[in-house]
Amino acid sequence: MKRENTAPTHIEVRGARANNLKDIDVDIPLNRFVAVCGVSGSGKSTLATDVLYAEGARRYLQALSTYTRRRIGQSARPDVERIRYLPSAMALRQRPVVPGIRSTLGTMSELLNILRLSFSRLGSHLCPNGHRLPPSLDTARLGRSVCPECGVEFAPFSAEDFAFNSLGACPECRGTGVVEEIDESRLIADPNKSINEGAVAGWRVPGSFFYVPTAEAIGIPIDIPFKDLTEEQKDFVLHGKMSCKTPVSVMTGAGKVYEMKAQYLNAADAVAHAYNGTESEKIRTRLAEQFYHIGICQSCHGPAVSRRSFSRRFSRGKISPRSRLFPSPLWRLTRVPCRRRCRR
């Protein structure tokens, strides 16, 4: 009988019991980029370091001569029943996720760096006069190109020009791929209430103690239902602007009255001021959930880079939310967020 020889596709780990691993069996794909994820204490580091790395180091030392092994500290065998198909070369890296709005699978794995460099040095570029240049060794080695059509010498886009967290960021969404817009329908909590009773939700944000007195000082009625205000007054509450400050009297919770000059902020600007001015992630999340609508950026439509990058091609593909050519699917993979964004 002829025996069929097939290459292994997975590292087989059976009966791993190191540290907090409880006799687990796991198959880890070979020739793949693999991320080990889980909650704190689930055994991620133990599996990667105390099982895979420890066994790899032990086998490496066993392959050395007896003379060499006597002069190198020996590695203990990991507490595991067996490990099969462990490759002779394996790269391990532990890196905690850094919370950030631009943190993605591409930035954390550095896959984005390779993709950006490929677009910059191996892609097709446009010269200043609009002629497309195919990939060339000069571009790959020197970062300079000469257009064969018009003869102009220019510097093609660098890797940073394709970075959504650097020079290549879309100016509209600032490299996030999404835009946060205030939903004006949420600025008024209850039109049947007066401003003094809390009708304007946008004036009940952190740091808003002087908004209502300022509105009263400039002539907006605060003791009648908001729905009974004139259309001009309603519009001023939502969108009105004033360049000068207004003298107001503000009463504290203890009953003391303070005289101050306050800058009028409409309801939308008051929310934006509170959202952009706080350093508390908890407050930002609460304000986003209460007032903001989060949607796809209408300028870049998701890739988070400037639209001028869309004209550059690599391996017949381009960075575009609508392109089905490679490497757009790879680019979309690099945009997978490392933490859940606030969505409704």
Foldseek 3Di string as FASTA:
>chain_A
DDDDDDDDFWKWFAQADPDLDGGDTDTHGPPDDDDDDDDPPPCSCCCVPLALVLVLVQVVLVPDDPVVNVVDDHGDHGRTPDIPPRDNDDDDDDDDFDDDLQAFPCVVVVVLVVVLQLLQQQWWFADPVGDIDHHDPCCNPPQWDADPPPGDIDGGDHSQCLQLQHVFFAPQCSSNQKDKDWDLVLQAPDQQAFVVVPRGVLLVAPPNQCQVQQLVQVPQDRHGRNVPGDPVSNCCLAPNADDFWTWGWGADPVGDIDTDTHGHDHSRRSLVCRLVVDPDPVSVLVSSVRTIAMDGDPQQRGLRGYPVQQVMDGPNHGCHPPDPDPPNVVSVNRSHHPDDDDHD
